[in-house]
């Protein structure tokens, strides 16, 4: 049995440069439960991870808002002696692959419990963690990545049409910025807009990706506007094991919802994920952990279809 899934774009990116580059989860919690929190760990190649409880076993799962499904490493699946599930096709940043699955009866995260999951299995050598926490577990909630206090909060979504999704000024030196976003054809991935050196681009947030990656349409539009520049190349590896070459560059200004990050390194490649999402022709950008962690916090409210960014706390990297 083969089930198409939305891209699992957790990017384990290796930059070859001296300077360095559908069983769905069923929630068991009530929707009126208060906000719950877990410790946010950012030491996995800048990725964001939390501890999950698997019965008596605790494991480290990377939060991956670019993955439709929660996944598990082969090592942990074998240790837990999980029953096998059907083969599923998983789309990664660099390609797609038929993956074996495991049946997980229950797990909990941030005081929320989920049951009856069918998890794609990937080699631990590719994941470099016990698993990935995908949108099947996250998309019913409001996810707050609080980088300043190193915690992640999971709460019921305020729902569509809410006018008070985020409290202004909460834990921010500047008013919290919010804007409406759109869902893509897969109904879960939140799509927003950014402006890179004056060029508007479609963007989606992939917390499981280490680096931010623009498509070639964005690169060509930037070159037409500012002049062509020579860019070194780097190899990008995806969770599915395939790789492709990307060009390494930067923009002097990256604006997200009235926040200007200034100088921002970017990779450029026509990822398989862009093909799957229909984002090859328009300028598009995958926003990874390297950009997200420059804010004090980021809020993703899937029910209300909103994205919010707090204050910029990290200065743009030096161009030297």
Foldseek 3Di string as FASTA:
>chain_A
DEDEFAAQALWPFWFPDPVTDAPFWDWPDDQPDFKFKFFWDLPPLRFTWGWKFQDPDIWIATEWARGHAKAFEPVVCVVVVFAWDDWYWHAYQAGIDTFTWGWRAWMDDRNIIIGTGTHGYFHCVLLVTGIYHYCSVQLQWKWKCQLQVRMIITHGFPAAPDPPRDAFPVVFPGGKFKDAFDDFPVLRWTWDWKAFQNAIAIETETSSYSFKEKEVLQVVVCCVVPNDDDFDKTWIAGRVGDIDIWTKDWTQWMGDRNDTQGIDIYIYYCTSSCVVRVNHNTIYMYHYSVVLSQFSMWMQRNRHRMIITGHRNDHHDDPD
